[in-house]
């Protein structure tokens, strides 16, 4: 099988610490993955590797058929959509929303003297409309709410019609309404057959959109377990990954988790 993403024995070492430790992971066409784990588990570093923004210390990484170290990453990166807090910080607050999306065609942030075709502008407009923010096209990015910014960032990530879309904690900082709107938008994206392969990094089970097919649980820079959603999201697996006794609940096509209820003992005395 030709994998969309293939990591083999990948480690990333900084000083004396392995941020990623011997990770092997394959993603096939049509799959939608969620990566869960505690802070410091290695999730963001994993996405930096998967987006060709970082090379591993050891191991091999093949993305869309090209091996890191043997490919021009500047030709590879436009085939990969990425939405992350680090990328968002590079977007000038004064940038017009339409240009935030449009400049992804050249893999830059901040419009300068690039020339864009009418088809590029039409695609940017269509993507903003698809995520419900077309009315913000002429607003400045810095004036948007957090939820609006997240939608614009995902529209930007899709601008080049990528074959792989990586979303690093897209619901972070959103209130309940904003989170649910975003989850709904991602569920629609997951259900669309022409959508790219999706990888969503999050801390929260509640943020897993309907239609996502696989889950990876990370712990201490490694993979605790990975596989189909129903096999991985169990009390035992989630508790081990987060180091806390957790109960997992599924209601319809949504998941939730909370600390397990401890039995209490009540005593009395007779008189």
Protein backbone atom coordinates (compact mmCIF):
# COMPACT_ATOMS: atom_id res chain seq x y z
CA UNK A 1 0.00 0.00 0.00
CA UNK A 2 1.12 3.57 -0.74
CA UNK A 3 0.71 5.56 2.46
CA UNK A 4 -0.24 9.22 2.55
CA UNK A 5 1.96 9.52 5.64
CA UNK A 6 4.51 6.93 6.76
CA UNK A 7 6.69 7.42 9.83
CA UNK A 8 9.16 4.65 10.63
CA UNK A 9 11.03 4.60 13.96
CA UNK A 10 10.97 8.40 14.16
CA UNK A 11 12.61 10.17 17.09
CA UNK A 12 13.22 13.87 17.74
CA UNK A 13 15.88 14.58 20.32
CA UNK A 14 16.59 17.91 22.01
CA UNK A 15 19.52 17.81 24.41
CA UNK A 16 19.10 14.78 26.62
CA UNK A 17 15.36 14.41 25.98
CA UNK A 18 13.43 12.60 23.26
CA UNK A 19 10.43 14.76 22.34
CA UNK A 20 9.33 11.97 20.00
CA UNK A 21 10.50 8.47 20.83
CA UNK A 22 10.56 5.72 18.17
CA UNK A 23 7.23 6.59 16.55
CA UNK A 24 5.96 4.45 13.67
CA UNK A 25 2.64 5.50 12.13
CA UNK A 26 0.92 5.04 8.77
CA UNK A 27 -2.08 6.87 7.34
CA UNK A 28 -3.99 5.65 4.28
CA UNK A 29 -6.09 7.53 1.75
CA UNK A 30 -9.58 8.38 3.01
CA UNK A 31 -8.75 8.18 6.72
CA UNK A 32 -9.55 10.91 9.25
CA UNK A 33 -7.33 10.82 12.33
CA UNK A 34 -7.48 12.40 15.78
CA UNK A 35 -4.31 12.62 17.90
CA UNK A 36 -4.96 12.87 21.65
CA UNK A 37 -2.64 13.22 24.61
CA UNK A 38 -1.56 15.30 27.56
CA UNK A 39 0.51 18.48 27.31
CA UNK A 40 4.06 17.50 26.42
CA UNK A 41 3.06 14.18 24.88
CA UNK A 42 4.65 15.16 21.55
CA UNK A 43 1.53 15.99 19.52
CA UNK A 44 2.65 19.34 18.10
CA UNK A 45 6.13 18.01 17.29
CA UNK A 46 4.48 15.12 15.44
CA UNK A 47 2.52 17.59 13.30
CA UNK A 48 5.67 19.62 12.60
CA UNK A 49 7.22 16.42 11.23
CA UNK A 50 4.08 15.50 9.27
CA UNK A 51 3.91 18.97 7.70
CA UNK A 52 7.56 18.85 6.55
CA UNK A 53 8.41 21.77 8.87
CA UNK A 54 10.85 19.66 10.91
CA UNK A 55 13.17 16.75 10.21
CA UNK A 56 13.52 13.85 12.63
CA UNK A 57 16.73 13.18 14.54
CA UNK A 58 16.45 9.50 13.58
CA UNK A 59 14.04 7.45 11.50
CA UNK A 60 12.41 7.99 8.11
CA UNK A 61 9.42 10.12 7.16
CA UNK A 62 7.59 9.71 3.85
CA UNK A 63 4.88 12.26 3.06
CA UNK A 64 2.75 11.89 -0.07
CA UNK A 65 5.31 9.51 -1.53
CA UNK A 66 8.32 11.77 -0.87
CA UNK A 67 10.93 11.06 1.82
CA UNK A 68 12.13 13.94 3.96
CA UNK A 69 15.79 14.60 3.26
CA UNK A 70 15.39 13.52 -0.36
CA UNK A 71 12.80 16.05 -1.50
CA UNK A 72 12.59 19.83 -1.86
CA UNK A 73 10.31 20.67 1.08
CA UNK A 74 9.28 23.93 -0.60
CA UNK A 75 7.68 21.88 -3.37
CA UNK A 76 6.15 19.42 -0.89
CA UNK A 77 4.65 21.88 1.60
CA UNK A 78 1.97 23.35 -0.74
CA UNK A 79 0.51 19.82 -0.93
CA UNK A 80 0.01 19.88 2.84
CA UNK A 81 -2.52 22.16 4.53
CA UNK A 82 -1.62 23.29 8.04
CA UNK A 83 -3.55 25.29 10.62
CA UNK A 84 -1.71 25.91 13.88
CA UNK A 85 -1.25 28.58 16.55
CA UNK A 86 2.38 29.07 15.48
CA UNK A 87 1.31 29.76 11.89
CA UNK A 88 -1.51 32.08 13.01
CA UNK A 89 0.98 34.20 14.97
CA UNK A 90 2.79 34.96 11.70
CA UNK A 91 -0.34 36.41 10.07
CA UNK A 92 -0.21 40.24 10.28
CA UNK A 93 -3.19 41.55 12.32
CA UNK A 94 -3.71 44.22 9.65
CA UNK A 95 -4.05 41.66 6.84
CA UNK A 96 -7.40 41.62 5.05
CA UNK A 97 -9.16 38.28 5.64
CA UNK A 98 -9.47 37.57 1.92
CA UNK A 99 -5.69 37.99 1.59
CA UNK A 100 -5.03 35.71 4.59
CA UNK A 101 -6.56 32.89 2.57
CA UNK A 102 -5.25 34.01 -0.82
CA UNK A 103 -1.57 34.20 0.21
CA UNK A 104 -1.55 30.49 1.01
CA UNK A 105 -1.29 29.97 -2.77
CA UNK A 106 2.33 31.16 -2.46
CA UNK A 107 2.82 29.66 1.02
CA UNK A 108 3.44 33.11 2.49
CA UNK A 109 1.82 35.21 5.20
CA UNK A 110 1.29 38.86 4.44
CA UNK A 111 0.48 39.98 0.91
CA UNK A 112 3.23 41.90 -0.82
CA UNK A 113 3.65 42.05 -4.59
CA UNK A 114 2.46 38.60 -5.61
CA UNK A 115 0.14 38.38 -8.60
CA UNK A 116 -2.96 36.21 -8.22
CA UNK A 117 -5.32 34.97 -10.89
CA UNK A 118 -9.08 35.38 -10.82
CA UNK A 119 -9.37 31.64 -10.16
CA UNK A 120 -7.29 32.07 -7.00
CA UNK A 121 -9.54 34.85 -5.74
CA UNK A 122 -12.64 32.82 -6.57
CA UNK A 123 -11.30 29.83 -4.63
CA UNK A 124 -10.50 32.00 -1.62
CA UNK A 125 -14.03 33.44 -1.74
CA UNK A 126 -15.57 29.96 -2.00
CA UNK A 127 -13.56 28.67 0.98
CA UNK A 128 -14.55 31.62 3.16
CA UNK A 129 -18.17 30.97 2.21
CA UNK A 130 -17.85 27.25 2.97
CA UNK A 131 -16.76 28.04 6.53
CA UNK A 132 -19.40 30.72 7.06
CA UNK A 133 -17.08 33.75 7.10
CA UNK A 134 -17.57 35.21 3.61
CA UNK A 135 -19.06 38.34 5.17
CA UNK A 136 -15.71 38.98 6.88
CA UNK A 137 -13.66 38.98 3.66
CA UNK A 138 -12.75 42.69 3.87
CA UNK A 139 -12.24 42.80 7.63
CA UNK A 140 -8.76 42.87 9.14
CA UNK A 141 -7.65 39.57 10.64
CA UNK A 142 -6.78 41.19 13.98
CA UNK A 143 -10.37 42.38 14.50
CA UNK A 144 -11.90 38.88 14.30
CA UNK A 145 -13.11 36.82 17.21
CA UNK A 146 -11.15 33.69 18.10
CA UNK A 147 -13.78 31.48 16.48
CA UNK A 148 -13.76 33.53 13.28
CA UNK A 149 -9.97 33.36 13.12
CA UNK A 150 -10.04 29.58 13.44
CA UNK A 151 -12.44 29.29 10.50
CA UNK A 152 -10.32 31.61 8.37
CA UNK A 153 -7.20 29.59 9.21
CA UNK A 154 -8.82 26.34 8.08
CA UNK A 155 -10.01 28.02 4.87
CA UNK A 156 -6.42 29.15 4.32
CA UNK A 157 -5.12 25.64 4.95
CA UNK A 158 -7.38 24.35 2.16
CA UNK A 159 -6.43 27.06 -0.36
CA UNK A 160 -3.91 24.94 -2.28
CA UNK A 161 -6.31 21.96 -2.46
CA UNK A 162 -3.95 19.92 -0.27
CA UNK A 163 -3.78 16.14 -0.20
CA UNK A 164 -3.13 16.17 3.56
CA UNK A 165 -4.73 18.60 6.05
CA UNK A 166 -3.22 18.98 9.54
CA UNK A 167 -5.10 20.87 12.26
CA UNK A 168 -3.27 21.58 15.51
CA UNK A 169 -5.80 22.24 18.30
CA UNK A 170 -8.20 24.29 16.13
CA UNK A 171 -10.76 24.57 18.98
CA UNK A 172 -8.26 25.94 21.54
CA UNK A 173 -9.51 29.16 23.09
CA UNK A 174 -13.07 28.83 21.79
CA UNK A 175 -16.14 29.06 23.97
CA UNK A 176 -18.74 26.29 23.89
CA UNK A 177 -20.69 27.79 21.00
CA UNK A 178 -17.58 28.43 18.92
CA UNK A 179 -16.29 24.94 19.59
CA UNK A 180 -19.55 23.32 18.51
CA UNK A 181 -19.70 25.38 15.34
CA UNK A 182 -16.15 24.36 14.49
CA UNK A 183 -16.80 20.68 15.26
CA UNK A 184 -19.82 20.84 12.95
CA UNK A 185 -17.75 22.39 10.15
CA UNK A 186 -15.06 19.72 10.53
CA UNK A 187 -17.70 16.98 10.51
CA UNK A 188 -18.96 18.30 7.16
CA UNK A 189 -15.40 18.37 5.84
CA UNK A 190 -14.79 14.80 7.05
CA UNK A 191 -17.95 13.59 5.32
CA UNK A 192 -17.04 15.08 1.94
CA UNK A 193 -15.43 12.33 -0.19
CA UNK A 194 -13.15 14.78 -2.01
CA UNK A 195 -11.68 16.16 1.21
CA UNK A 196 -8.00 15.55 1.90
CA UNK A 197 -6.77 13.11 4.50
CA UNK A 198 -7.37 14.83 7.87
CA UNK A 199 -5.32 14.83 11.05
CA UNK A 200 -6.70 16.71 14.06
CA UNK A 201 -4.67 17.26 17.23
CA UNK A 202 -6.61 17.98 20.40
CA UNK A 203 -6.59 17.51 24.18
CA UNK A 204 -10.31 16.84 24.42
CA UNK A 205 -12.42 13.84 23.44
CA UNK A 206 -15.41 16.19 23.15
CA UNK A 207 -13.75 17.90 20.18
CA UNK A 208 -13.68 14.77 18.00
CA UNK A 209 -15.98 15.52 15.04
CA UNK A 210 -18.39 12.91 13.71
CA UNK A 211 -16.92 11.10 10.71
CA UNK A 212 -13.38 10.79 12.04
CA UNK A 213 -12.25 7.20 11.64
CA UNK A 214 -9.07 6.68 13.69
CA UNK A 215 -7.48 7.81 16.94
CA UNK A 216 -3.90 7.86 18.17
CA UNK A 217 -3.25 8.23 21.91
CA UNK A 218 0.19 9.62 22.72
CA UNK A 219 2.10 9.51 25.98
CA UNK A 220 5.65 10.67 26.82
CA UNK A 221 6.63 11.19 23.19
CA UNK A 222 5.45 7.79 22.01
CA UNK A 223 2.31 6.08 20.77
CA UNK A 224 0.28 4.45 23.53
CA UNK A 225 -2.20 2.96 21.05
CA UNK A 226 -3.56 3.78 17.59
CA UNK A 227 -6.43 2.38 15.55
CA UNK A 228 -10.15 2.71 14.75
CA UNK A 229 -12.04 5.14 17.00
CA UNK A 230 -14.23 2.47 18.64
CA UNK A 231 -11.22 0.30 19.51
CA UNK A 232 -9.07 3.06 20.96
CA UNK A 233 -11.54 5.22 22.91
CA UNK A 234 -12.02 2.96 25.91
CA UNK A 235 -11.83 3.72 29.62
CA UNK A 236 -8.62 1.71 29.98
CA UNK A 237 -6.75 3.20 27.01
CA UNK A 238 -7.69 6.80 27.76
CA UNK A 239 -6.92 6.42 31.47
CA UNK A 240 -3.46 5.05 30.68
CA UNK A 241 -2.68 7.81 28.18
CA UNK A 242 -3.72 10.63 30.50
CA UNK A 243 -2.57 9.08 33.78
CA UNK A 244 -5.99 9.48 35.34
CA UNK A 245 -8.90 7.14 35.98
CA UNK A 246 -11.35 8.19 33.23
CA UNK A 247 -14.76 7.10 32.00
CA UNK A 248 -15.56 7.42 28.30
CA UNK A 249 -19.11 7.93 27.07
CA UNK A 250 -20.53 7.88 23.56
CA UNK A 251 -23.81 9.65 22.82
CA UNK A 252 -24.87 9.25 19.21
CA UNK A 253 -21.82 10.21 17.15
CA UNK A 254 -20.08 12.28 19.85
CA UNK A 255 -17.70 11.28 22.62
CA UNK A 256 -17.01 12.64 26.10
CA UNK A 257 -14.74 11.74 29.01
CA UNK A 258 -14.65 12.59 32.69
CA UNK A 259 -12.91 11.46 35.85
CA UNK A 260 -14.32 8.16 37.07
CA UNK A 261 -16.77 8.40 39.93
CA UNK A 262 -15.32 6.93 43.07
CA UNK A 263 -17.58 4.88 45.28
CA UNK A 264 -18.23 6.54 48.64
CA UNK A 265 -18.81 4.81 51.89
CA UNK A 266 -21.41 6.17 54.22
CA UNK A 267 -21.52 5.07 57.79
CA UNK A 268 -23.86 5.70 60.66
CA UNK A 269 -24.18 4.88 64.32
CA UNK A 270 -27.00 3.43 66.31
CA UNK A 271 -28.11 4.75 69.64
